[in-house]
Amino acid sequence: MKAHEAQPKAQADWVTFLKGGARLSTKRTFVRAVSHANQIFSSIIPQIAFIDSPALHCYNGERISAAAQAAFHSIRNILGGILMTEKVFPISRERLEEIIEQYPTPFHIYDEKAIRENFRRFKRAFSWAPNFTEHFAVKAAPNPRLLQILHEEGAGTDCSSIAELLLSEAAGIKGEEIMLTSNDTPAEEFQKARELGAIINLDDISHIDYLEKCAGFPDCLSFRYNPGPLIEGNDIIGKPTEAKYGLTHHQIFDAYKIAREKGVKRFGLHTMVISSELRNEAFLFTAELMFNLAVEIKKRLGISLEFVNLGGGFGIPYRPEEEAIDVERVGSGIEALYKKIIEPAGLAGLAIKAESGRYITGPYGWLVTTALHEKKTYKDYIGLDACMANLMRPALYGAYHHITVVGKEDAFCDHIYDITGSLCENNDKFAIDRKLPKIDIGDRIVIHDTGAHGHAMGFNYNGKLRSAELLLREDGSVELIRRAETLGDYFATLDIPGGLMKPHA
């Protein structure tokens, strides 16, 4: 076989090797893959030094798999990212086209099975706690169908507006499964929370009197703690000393004292000072801080809290090379702190709460789009049929979202593009200088990790319409859980004498 004829076969075998390294079972398979790799890469970069792996001298599948991963990272680093590092999209190209025939792009689609499995894993990590509740942060994915799925798995909700309270109610969530944490809270939100029997978490000491006058006290009242300079925060949520959230250390004791004098008998404690965090130790630090405060409250005021809500902030690896949180390690670390701090203080029944959103649904949602235009000026641009109205995070935060060109997952990333939307703003870009395979007009482009703070942050600026939301069911069927907006929706709130032009559908 001639060299130019052998290369496609070698490339295909090498891709199989990279993607399926864990399945390599013999030295012969490994050697053949290495040989094919050398055929490809020696033609791309002269005198490439391929990895000299101990796996060549053993038959252990686990060690061969490790060598495959080492080979992948070695080659990828040498080629500066020319090989596409994958994130998984759970729908085949053929099935995706069937879905698009019924539901045109752009749309967000969520994986029910993966969301359920991930929630169960998160819940298991805290199964040691006397009573653990995950109050899913509704703002991450405010769709009652998703809330219903999570409620079936045992989740409550964390709400910060009357709309989120109503969404929780629509999903069958009620009573103290709901926790309202708000700031600058209007009376109607407190009143609705009281009607639902929700836990109310106050953000300011002045809200005690306000709540009493406008709605009365709930059965269980909580306060949000801002530790100030004791913790770092980050660029998204801000430094605690500069954040608008929560009560100071001094205020928190006064707040419990005032509320108790007004007749409140059941109390909780809450904080939320980190966001999109991937360091395991950050959550242990927060837990230690809050457990010590719970003990101090008991010592100084004689109040035994019913729960400590450790907040959310659990990040996800938006970039393929990032490591995910080890939630089992975090859970066991918090358990050790509980036994060290809480139990000796006589607070052994203290319940643990969390309010993660991003971690639960984020990795299991995707924005599916189509390439509409290619533009070549000072840079190469690919214009999509979606824009920042469909996914704001890249423009707002400069956030990275991985991109897959459907059907070209095994192609070399030898083109550099800005991936853009049609909004009349220059920052309407999903990616800047991103290495991707060659994109053709009509290609389906999948943007990963939009299952939280994706559709939820949509808007109508520039007359853009929010897209549909779909649910990939456990049986493989697809359910429409939110239709796409129409021009009729956009014009519906306007009141102009003589009416408007008739909108399209």
Protein backbone atom coordinates (compact mmCIF):
# COMPACT_ATOMS: atom_id res chain seq x y z
CA MET A 1 0.00 0.00 0.00
CA LYS A 2 1.35 3.42 -0.93
CA ALA A 3 2.00 5.98 1.81
CA HIS A 4 -0.74 8.35 0.66
CA GLU A 5 -3.21 5.45 0.65
CA ALA A 6 -2.14 4.20 4.06
CA GLN A 7 -2.54 7.53 5.83
CA PRO A 8 -6.39 7.63 5.98
CA LYS A 9 -6.38 4.11 7.41
CA ALA A 10 -3.67 5.08 9.88
CA GLN A 11 -5.56 8.20 10.86
CA ALA A 12 -8.77 6.26 11.44
CA ASP A 13 -6.95 3.67 13.55
CA TRP A 14 -5.24 6.38 15.57
CA VAL A 15 -8.51 8.16 16.25
CA THR A 16 -10.00 4.85 17.35
CA PHE A 17 -6.98 4.37 19.59
CA LEU A 18 -7.38 7.80 21.17
CA LYS A 19 -11.11 7.49 21.69
CA GLY A 20 -11.11 3.87 22.81
CA GLY A 21 -7.87 3.51 24.70
CA ALA A 22 -9.66 1.99 27.67
CA ARG A 23 -10.72 -0.87 25.42
CA LEU A 24 -7.21 -1.75 24.19
CA SER A 25 -6.42 -5.20 25.49
CA THR A 26 -3.24 -6.46 23.79
CA LYS A 27 0.29 -5.30 23.18
CA ARG A 28 -0.17 -5.95 19.46
CA THR A 29 -3.11 -3.52 19.29
CA PHE A 30 -1.11 -0.86 21.10
CA VAL A 31 1.96 -1.30 18.90
CA ARG A 32 -0.14 -1.12 15.73
CA ALA A 33 -1.80 2.10 16.94
CA VAL A 34 1.59 3.63 17.76
CA SER A 35 2.87 2.65 14.33
CA HIS A 36 -0.09 4.30 12.64
CA ALA A 37 0.35 7.36 14.83
CA ASN A 38 3.95 7.72 13.74
CA GLN A 39 2.90 7.51 10.08
CA ILE A 40 0.56 10.44 10.54
CA PHE A 41 2.50 12.69 12.84
CA SER A 42 5.94 12.24 11.32
CA SER A 43 4.45 13.67 8.13
CA ILE A 44 3.02 16.64 10.02
CA ILE A 45 5.96 17.49 12.26
CA PRO A 46 9.41 16.18 11.30
CA GLN A 47 11.31 14.16 13.88
CA ILE A 48 8.38 13.93 16.29
CA ALA A 49 9.35 11.98 19.39
CA PHE A 50 6.41 9.75 20.17
CA ILE A 51 5.90 8.53 23.73
CA ASP A 52 8.07 5.61 24.81
CA SER A 53 5.55 3.88 27.01
CA PRO A 54 6.03 1.05 29.52
CA ALA A 55 2.69 -0.23 28.24
CA LEU A 56 4.56 -1.59 25.23
CA HIS A 57 6.01 -4.21 27.57
CA CYS A 58 2.91 -5.27 29.46
CA TYR A 59 -0.54 -6.68 28.78
CA ASN A 60 -2.42 -4.98 31.61
CA GLY A 61 -5.47 -3.23 30.13
CA GLU A 62 -5.54 -0.52 32.76
CA ARG A 63 -1.90 0.41 32.15
CA ILE A 64 -2.41 0.38 28.39
CA SER A 65 -5.40 2.68 28.84
CA ALA A 66 -3.24 5.03 30.92
CA ALA A 67 -0.63 5.00 28.18
CA ALA A 68 -3.33 5.86 25.64
CA GLN A 69 -4.29 8.89 27.67
CA ALA A 70 -0.65 9.91 28.07
CA ALA A 71 -0.17 9.55 24.33
CA PHE A 72 -3.20 11.67 23.65
CA HIS A 73 -2.03 14.53 25.86
CA SER A 74 1.53 14.29 24.55
CA ILE A 75 0.46 14.54 20.92
CA ARG A 76 -2.15 17.21 21.60
CA ASN A 77 0.40 19.39 23.37
CA ILE A 78 2.91 18.99 20.56
CA LEU A 79 0.34 19.91 17.93
CA GLY A 80 -0.97 22.88 19.87
CA GLY A 81 -4.52 21.57 20.08
CA ILE A 82 -4.91 20.40 16.49
CA LEU A 83 -6.62 17.24 17.73
CA MET A 84 -10.15 17.89 18.89
CA THR A 85 -10.58 17.20 22.60
CA GLU A 86 -14.07 15.87 22.94
CA LYS A 87 -17.05 16.44 25.15
CA VAL A 88 -19.85 13.98 24.68
CA PHE A 89 -23.08 14.88 22.89
CA PRO A 90 -25.50 12.00 23.52
CA ILE A 91 -27.40 12.16 20.22
CA SER A 92 -26.22 10.66 16.95
CA ARG A 93 -26.01 12.77 13.81
CA GLU A 94 -28.86 10.84 12.22
CA ARG A 95 -31.12 11.14 15.25
CA LEU A 96 -30.31 14.83 15.58
CA GLU A 97 -31.46 15.48 12.02
CA GLU A 98 -34.74 13.72 12.80
CA ILE A 99 -35.23 16.00 15.80
CA ILE A 100 -34.40 19.10 13.77
CA GLU A 101 -37.03 18.16 11.18
CA GLN A 102 -39.63 18.60 13.91
CA TYR A 103 -37.96 21.31 16.00
CA PRO A 104 -35.82 23.70 13.92
CA THR A 105 -32.61 25.07 15.37
CA PRO A 106 -31.68 26.80 17.56
CA PHE A 107 -32.88 24.95 20.63
CA HIS A 108 -31.61 23.79 24.01
CA ILE A 109 -31.92 20.08 24.72
CA TYR A 110 -31.49 18.37 28.11
CA ASP A 111 -30.65 14.76 28.94
CA GLU A 112 -33.15 13.44 31.50
CA LYS A 113 -31.26 10.24 32.28
CA ALA A 114 -27.96 12.02 32.89
CA ILE A 115 -29.61 14.67 35.08
CA ARG A 116 -31.27 12.02 37.22
CA GLU A 117 -28.07 10.00 37.58
CA ASN A 118 -26.03 13.08 38.44
CA PHE A 119 -28.52 14.20 41.07
CA ARG A 120 -28.45 10.75 42.67
CA ARG A 121 -24.67 10.87 42.81
CA PHE A 122 -24.78 14.31 44.44
CA LYS A 123 -27.36 13.15 46.97
CA ARG A 124 -25.36 9.99 47.81
CA ALA A 125 -22.33 12.12 48.64
CA PHE A 126 -24.32 13.60 51.54
CA SER A 127 -26.25 10.47 52.55
CA TRP A 128 -24.33 10.45 55.84
CA ALA A 129 -26.14 13.61 57.01
CA PRO A 130 -29.06 13.16 59.44
CA ASN A 131 -31.25 15.04 56.99
CA PHE A 132 -29.99 16.33 53.65
CA THR A 133 -31.93 18.40 51.13
CA GLU A 134 -30.71 19.77 47.82
CA HIS A 135 -32.74 22.90 47.06
CA PHE A 136 -32.12 23.16 43.31
CA ALA A 137 -31.40 26.76 42.29
CA VAL A 138 -34.37 27.54 40.04
CA LYS A 139 -32.56 30.44 38.38
CA ALA A 140 -30.21 27.91 36.76
CA ALA A 141 -32.94 26.17 34.75
CA PRO A 142 -36.41 27.65 35.39
CA ASN A 143 -38.48 25.04 33.63
CA PRO A 144 -41.19 23.21 35.61
CA ARG A 145 -40.55 19.97 33.73
CA LEU A 146 -36.95 19.91 34.91
CA LEU A 147 -38.03 20.90 38.42
CA GLN A 148 -40.55 18.04 38.39
CA ILE A 149 -37.86 15.54 37.41
CA LEU A 150 -35.57 16.73 40.20
CA HIS A 151 -38.43 16.73 42.71
CA GLU A 152 -39.11 13.09 41.82
CA GLU A 153 -35.50 12.43 42.84
CA GLY A 154 -35.93 14.24 46.16
CA ALA A 155 -34.96 17.83 45.41
CA GLY A 156 -36.58 20.97 46.71
CA THR A 157 -36.04 24.42 45.25
CA ASP A 158 -34.11 27.57 46.01
CA CYS A 159 -36.13 30.57 44.81
CA SER A 160 -35.34 34.26 44.55
CA SER A 161 -38.48 35.70 42.95
CA ILE A 162 -42.24 35.25 42.88
CA ALA A 163 -42.00 33.69 39.42
CA GLU A 164 -39.65 31.01 40.75
CA LEU A 165 -42.01 30.37 43.66
CA LEU A 166 -44.85 29.89 41.17
CA LEU A 167 -42.73 27.58 39.02
CA SER A 168 -41.98 25.48 42.10
CA GLU A 169 -45.66 25.32 42.94
CA ALA A 170 -46.47 24.28 39.35
CA ALA A 171 -43.93 21.45 39.65
CA GLY A 172 -45.67 20.11 42.77
CA ILE A 173 -43.08 21.41 45.21
CA LYS A 174 -44.46 22.87 48.41
CA GLY A 175 -43.92 23.74 52.04
CA GLU A 176 -40.39 23.66 53.40
CA GLU A 177 -39.17 21.92 50.27
CA ILE A 178 -39.01 25.52 49.04
CA MET A 179 -36.56 28.10 50.35
CA LEU A 180 -36.89 31.77 49.39
CA THR A 181 -33.58 33.58 49.43
CA SER A 182 -33.94 37.07 48.08
CA ASN A 183 -32.55 40.55 48.50
CA ASP A 184 -34.39 43.86 48.18
CA THR A 185 -37.44 41.63 48.47
CA PRO A 186 -40.88 43.12 47.70
CA ALA A 187 -43.86 42.33 49.91
CA GLU A 188 -45.62 40.09 47.39
CA GLU A 189 -42.68 37.68 47.32
CA PHE A 190 -42.69 37.29 51.09
CA GLN A 191 -46.47 36.89 51.01
CA LYS A 192 -46.35 34.14 48.38
CA ALA A 193 -43.60 32.34 50.27
CA ARG A 194 -45.73 32.45 53.43
CA GLU A 195 -48.72 31.15 51.48
CA LEU A 196 -46.67 28.18 50.27
CA GLY A 197 -45.25 27.49 53.73
CA ALA A 198 -41.71 27.99 52.46
CA ILE A 199 -38.60 28.62 54.53
CA ILE A 200 -37.70 32.30 54.28
CA ASN A 201 -34.04 33.24 54.29
CA LEU A 202 -33.48 36.92 55.10
CA ASP A 203 -30.69 38.88 53.49
CA ASP A 204 -30.69 41.91 55.81
CA ILE A 205 -31.39 42.61 59.46
CA SER A 206 -33.86 45.37 58.50
CA HIS A 207 -35.99 42.77 56.71
CA ILE A 208 -37.10 41.30 60.03
CA ASP A 209 -39.51 44.16 60.72
CA TYR A 210 -40.48 44.40 57.05
CA LEU A 211 -41.37 40.69 56.88
CA GLU A 212 -43.33 40.88 60.12
CA LYS A 213 -45.46 43.76 58.83
CA CYS A 214 -46.09 42.59 55.27
CA ALA A 215 -46.45 38.83 55.66
CA GLY A 216 -45.75 37.64 59.18
CA PHE A 217 -43.07 35.17 60.17
CA PRO A 218 -42.80 31.67 58.68
CA ASP A 219 -42.49 28.59 60.85
CA CYS A 220 -38.77 28.48 60.07
CA LEU A 221 -36.65 31.59 59.53
CA SER A 222 -33.09 31.65 58.23
CA PHE A 223 -30.44 34.34 57.81
CA ARG A 224 -27.85 34.68 55.08
CA TYR A 225 -24.33 35.15 56.39
CA ASN A 226 -21.65 37.21 54.65
CA PRO A 227 -18.26 36.31 56.15
CA GLY A 228 -16.59 39.42 54.77
CA PRO A 229 -12.80 39.15 54.55
CA LEU A 230 -12.78 35.56 55.82
CA ILE A 231 -13.29 34.15 52.32
CA GLU A 232 -12.10 35.14 48.84
CA GLY A 233 -15.13 34.94 46.54
CA ASN A 234 -14.47 35.21 42.79
CA ASP A 235 -15.04 37.37 39.73
CA ILE A 236 -18.64 36.21 39.26
CA ILE A 237 -20.07 36.56 42.75
CA GLY A 238 -17.56 39.18 43.89
CA LYS A 239 -15.55 39.63 47.05
CA PRO A 240 -17.76 39.17 50.13
CA THR A 241 -16.73 42.57 51.49
CA GLU A 242 -18.07 44.16 48.29
CA ALA A 243 -21.08 41.88 47.78
CA LYS A 244 -24.61 43.08 48.41
CA TYR A 245 -25.59 39.78 50.00
CA GLY A 246 -25.98 38.78 53.61
CA LEU A 247 -25.47 39.91 57.20
CA THR A 248 -22.14 40.63 58.85
CA HIS A 249 -20.82 38.54 61.72
CA HIS A 250 -21.99 41.11 64.26
CA GLN A 251 -25.42 41.52 62.65
CA ILE A 252 -26.14 37.80 62.49
CA PHE A 253 -26.28 37.46 66.28
CA ASP A 254 -28.49 40.52 66.65
CA ALA A 255 -30.80 39.15 63.96
CA TYR A 256 -31.39 35.82 65.72
CA LYS A 257 -31.90 37.61 69.02
CA ILE A 258 -34.48 40.04 67.57
CA ALA A 259 -36.38 37.29 65.72
CA ARG A 260 -36.51 35.10 68.83
CA GLU A 261 -37.87 38.00 70.87
CA LYS A 262 -40.58 38.41 68.22
CA GLY A 263 -41.66 34.79 68.68
CA VAL A 264 -39.75 32.84 66.03
CA LYS A 265 -38.77 29.43 67.39
CA ARG A 266 -37.14 27.57 64.48
CA PHE A 267 -34.01 28.82 62.76
CA GLY A 268 -31.59 28.03 59.97
CA LEU A 269 -28.31 29.49 58.72
CA HIS A 270 -27.27 30.08 55.11
CA THR A 271 -24.36 31.36 53.06
CA MET A 272 -23.44 31.59 49.38
CA VAL A 273 -20.06 33.15 48.75
CA ILE A 274 -18.54 31.10 45.94
CA SER A 275 -19.66 30.43 42.39
CA SER A 276 -18.56 28.03 39.66
CA GLU A 277 -15.84 26.68 41.96
CA LEU A 278 -13.78 23.61 41.01
CA ARG A 279 -11.50 23.41 44.05
CA ASN A 280 -12.69 20.71 46.44
CA GLU A 281 -11.14 22.46 49.43
CA ALA A 282 -13.25 25.59 48.93
CA PHE A 283 -16.38 23.72 50.00
CA LEU A 284 -14.65 22.26 53.03
CA PHE A 285 -13.57 25.74 54.07
CA THR A 286 -17.15 27.00 53.75
CA ALA A 287 -18.49 24.08 55.77
CA GLU A 288 -15.94 24.61 58.54
CA LEU A 289 -16.76 28.31 58.65
CA MET A 290 -20.50 27.66 58.89
CA PHE A 291 -20.24 24.82 61.40
CA ASN A 292 -18.13 26.97 63.71
CA LEU A 293 -20.68 29.78 63.40
CA ALA A 294 -23.53 27.39 64.24
CA VAL A 295 -21.68 26.35 67.39
CA GLU A 296 -21.01 30.00 68.28
CA ILE A 297 -24.70 30.84 67.88
CA LYS A 298 -25.60 28.08 70.29
CA LYS A 299 -23.00 29.15 72.84
CA ARG A 300 -23.85 32.86 72.73
CA LEU A 301 -27.62 32.74 72.22
CA GLY A 302 -28.66 29.26 73.27
CA ILE A 303 -30.22 28.67 69.83
CA SER A 304 -29.82 25.23 68.29
CA LEU A 305 -30.19 25.69 64.56
CA GLU A 306 -32.31 23.22 62.60
CA PHE A 307 -30.14 23.38 59.50
CA VAL A 308 -27.09 24.88 57.86
CA ASN A 309 -27.42 25.63 54.15
CA LEU A 310 -23.95 25.55 52.63
CA GLY A 311 -25.19 27.20 49.44
CA GLY A 312 -24.15 26.22 45.95
CA GLY A 313 -21.16 27.27 43.92
CA PHE A 314 -20.32 23.77 42.69
CA GLY A 315 -18.66 24.35 39.34
CA ILE A 316 -18.45 22.17 36.26
CA PRO A 317 -15.51 21.60 33.90
CA TYR A 318 -16.49 23.81 30.96
CA ARG A 319 -13.12 23.08 29.35
CA PRO A 320 -12.38 19.45 28.44
CA GLU A 321 -9.03 19.53 30.21
CA GLU A 322 -10.50 20.75 33.51
CA GLU A 323 -11.07 18.31 36.34
CA ALA A 324 -14.56 17.95 37.76
CA ILE A 325 -15.25 18.34 41.44
CA ASP A 326 -14.83 15.11 43.38
CA VAL A 327 -18.23 15.35 45.02
CA GLU A 328 -17.66 12.16 47.02
CA ARG A 329 -14.47 13.62 48.45
CA VAL A 330 -16.26 16.87 49.26
CA GLY A 331 -19.10 14.98 50.94
CA SER A 332 -16.78 12.84 53.07
CA GLY A 333 -14.71 15.90 53.97
CA ILE A 334 -17.79 17.75 55.19
CA GLU A 335 -18.84 14.64 57.11
CA ALA A 336 -15.50 14.65 58.94
CA LEU A 337 -15.98 18.33 59.84
CA TYR A 338 -19.51 17.58 61.04
CA LYS A 339 -18.21 14.90 63.38
CA LYS A 340 -15.37 17.12 64.55
CA ILE A 341 -17.32 20.35 65.12
CA ILE A 342 -21.07 19.77 65.20
CA GLU A 343 -21.49 16.54 67.14
CA PRO A 344 -19.29 17.48 70.14
CA ALA A 345 -21.27 20.73 70.46
CA GLY A 346 -24.53 18.84 70.98
CA LEU A 347 -25.91 19.69 67.54
CA ALA A 348 -25.90 16.16 66.15
CA GLY A 349 -29.35 16.50 64.59
CA LEU A 350 -28.35 19.51 62.49
CA ALA A 351 -29.66 19.08 58.94
CA ILE A 352 -27.52 19.93 55.92
CA LYS A 353 -28.84 21.76 52.89
CA ALA A 354 -27.30 22.78 49.58
CA GLU A 355 -28.61 24.79 46.65
CA SER A 356 -26.61 23.74 43.64
CA GLY A 357 -27.94 24.50 40.18
CA ARG A 358 -25.06 24.48 37.71
CA TYR A 359 -23.58 21.22 39.00
CA ILE A 360 -26.89 19.35 38.74
CA THR A 361 -28.03 20.24 35.22
CA GLY A 362 -25.24 22.28 33.62
CA PRO A 363 -23.28 19.51 31.84
CA TYR A 364 -26.46 17.89 30.54
CA GLY A 365 -27.82 20.64 28.35
CA TRP A 366 -26.68 21.70 24.87
CA LEU A 367 -27.50 24.57 22.54
CA VAL A 368 -27.98 23.08 19.07
CA THR A 369 -27.46 25.54 16.22
CA THR A 370 -26.82 25.68 12.49
CA ALA A 371 -24.01 27.46 10.64
CA LEU A 372 -25.61 30.10 8.40
CA HIS A 373 -22.76 32.22 7.09
CA GLU A 374 -19.00 32.24 6.67
CA LYS A 375 -17.23 35.60 6.57
CA LYS A 376 -13.56 36.24 5.82
CA THR A 377 -12.10 39.66 6.65
CA TYR A 378 -9.29 40.23 9.11
CA LYS A 379 -10.48 37.02 10.75
CA ASP A 380 -12.60 34.05 9.78
CA TYR A 381 -16.13 34.11 11.17
CA ILE A 382 -18.88 31.51 11.30
CA GLY A 383 -22.32 32.98 11.90
CA LEU A 384 -24.91 30.82 13.63
CA ASP A 385 -28.69 30.95 13.77
CA ALA A 386 -28.34 31.50 17.55
CA CYS A 387 -27.01 34.56 19.35
CA MET A 388 -26.27 35.75 22.88
CA ALA A 389 -30.02 35.94 23.46
CA ASN A 390 -29.82 32.14 23.50
CA LEU A 391 -26.63 31.90 25.56
CA MET A 392 -25.32 35.00 27.29
CA ARG A 393 -22.44 33.61 29.36
CA PRO A 394 -19.64 33.96 26.77
CA ALA A 395 -20.48 37.61 26.12
CA LEU A 396 -21.30 38.54 29.72
CA TYR A 397 -18.53 36.71 31.56
CA GLY A 398 -16.07 35.84 28.81
CA ALA A 399 -16.99 32.26 29.67
CA TYR A 400 -15.71 29.28 27.71
CA HIS A 401 -18.23 26.84 26.24
CA HIS A 402 -16.94 23.88 24.28
CA ILE A 403 -18.11 23.54 20.68
CA THR A 404 -18.62 20.39 18.62
CA VAL A 405 -19.17 20.33 14.86
CA VAL A 406 -21.55 17.41 14.45
CA GLY A 407 -20.17 14.73 12.15
CA LYS A 408 -16.66 16.14 12.35
CA GLU A 409 -15.76 14.98 15.83
CA ASP A 410 -12.77 13.03 14.48
CA ALA A 411 -11.52 15.77 12.17
CA PHE A 412 -8.41 17.83 12.81
CA CYS A 413 -8.96 21.27 14.34
CA ASP A 414 -6.92 23.06 11.71
CA HIS A 415 -9.10 26.17 11.29
CA ILE A 416 -9.39 29.16 13.60
CA TYR A 417 -12.77 30.86 13.85
CA ASP A 418 -14.77 33.39 15.77
CA ILE A 419 -18.20 31.81 16.24
CA THR A 420 -20.80 34.57 16.23
CA GLY A 421 -24.48 35.39 16.45
CA SER A 422 -26.55 38.00 14.65
CA LEU A 423 -27.06 40.46 17.50
CA CYS A 424 -25.96 44.00 16.71
CA GLU A 425 -23.24 43.88 19.38
CA ASN A 426 -19.61 43.04 18.70
CA ASN A 427 -19.38 40.86 21.80
CA ASP A 428 -22.06 38.51 20.43
CA LYS A 429 -19.53 35.71 20.13
CA PHE A 430 -19.71 32.15 21.42
CA ALA A 431 -15.99 31.63 20.81
CA ILE A 432 -13.01 33.75 19.79
CA ASP A 433 -10.02 32.34 17.92
CA ARG A 434 -11.29 28.81 18.51
CA LYS A 435 -9.50 25.91 16.82
CA LEU A 436 -12.15 23.80 15.11
CA PRO A 437 -12.52 21.54 12.08
CA LYS A 438 -13.44 23.22 8.82
CA ILE A 439 -17.06 24.35 9.14
CA ASP A 440 -19.36 24.31 6.14
CA ILE A 441 -22.63 26.19 5.76
CA GLY A 442 -25.42 24.02 7.13
CA ASP A 443 -23.23 22.19 9.64
CA ARG A 444 -24.87 21.55 12.98
CA ILE A 445 -22.92 23.24 15.75
CA VAL A 446 -23.41 22.03 19.32
CA ILE A 447 -22.47 24.32 22.21
CA HIS A 448 -21.93 22.33 25.40
CA ASP A 449 -22.79 22.83 29.07
CA THR A 450 -25.86 25.03 28.62
CA GLY A 451 -28.03 23.10 31.06
CA ALA A 452 -27.70 25.86 33.64
CA HIS A 453 -27.70 29.62 33.12
CA GLY A 454 -28.23 29.02 29.42
CA HIS A 455 -31.81 29.51 28.25
CA ALA A 456 -32.49 30.97 31.69
CA MET A 457 -30.48 34.11 30.91
CA GLY A 458 -32.16 34.74 27.56
CA PHE A 459 -33.52 38.14 26.59
CA ASN A 460 -35.28 40.04 23.79
CA TYR A 461 -32.80 42.85 23.11
CA ASN A 462 -32.51 43.70 19.41
CA GLY A 463 -35.85 41.98 18.85
CA LYS A 464 -34.36 38.52 19.29
CA LEU A 465 -36.61 35.65 20.30
CA ARG A 466 -35.82 32.97 22.85
CA SER A 467 -35.47 29.44 21.55
CA ALA A 468 -37.29 26.23 22.40
CA GLU A 469 -36.29 23.79 25.14
CA LEU A 470 -36.41 20.05 24.50
CA LEU A 471 -36.03 17.07 26.81
CA LEU A 472 -34.30 13.89 25.70
CA ARG A 473 -36.29 11.31 27.65
CA GLU A 474 -34.82 8.20 29.19
CA ASP A 475 -36.48 6.08 26.48
CA GLY A 476 -34.85 8.13 23.71
CA SER A 477 -37.95 10.10 22.77
CA VAL A 478 -37.92 13.90 22.69
CA GLU A 479 -40.40 16.13 24.52
CA LEU A 480 -40.99 19.82 23.87
CA ILE A 481 -40.87 21.44 27.32
CA ARG A 482 -40.89 25.05 26.14
CA ARG A 483 -41.84 26.24 22.68
CA ALA A 484 -39.82 28.85 20.86
CA GLU A 485 -41.01 32.43 21.17
CA THR A 486 -42.81 34.02 18.24
CA LEU A 487 -43.08 37.60 17.05
CA GLY A 488 -46.59 37.48 18.44
CA ASP A 489 -45.08 36.89 21.89
CA TYR A 490 -42.67 39.76 21.36
CA PHE A 491 -45.42 42.22 20.41
CA ALA A 492 -47.98 40.94 22.95
CA THR A 493 -47.13 43.44 25.70
CA LEU A 494 -47.19 46.50 23.46
CA ASP A 495 -50.18 48.85 23.41
CA ILE A 496 -50.07 51.06 20.33
CA PRO A 497 -53.15 52.91 19.02
CA GLY A 498 -54.18 51.46 15.71
CA GLY A 499 -52.40 48.22 16.44
CA LEU A 500 -49.21 46.80 15.02
CA MET A 501 -48.38 45.21 11.75
CA LYS A 502 -49.52 41.65 11.76
CA PRO A 503 -46.62 39.61 13.11
CA HIS A 504 -45.46 36.43 11.53
CA ALA A 505 -46.27 33.22 13.35
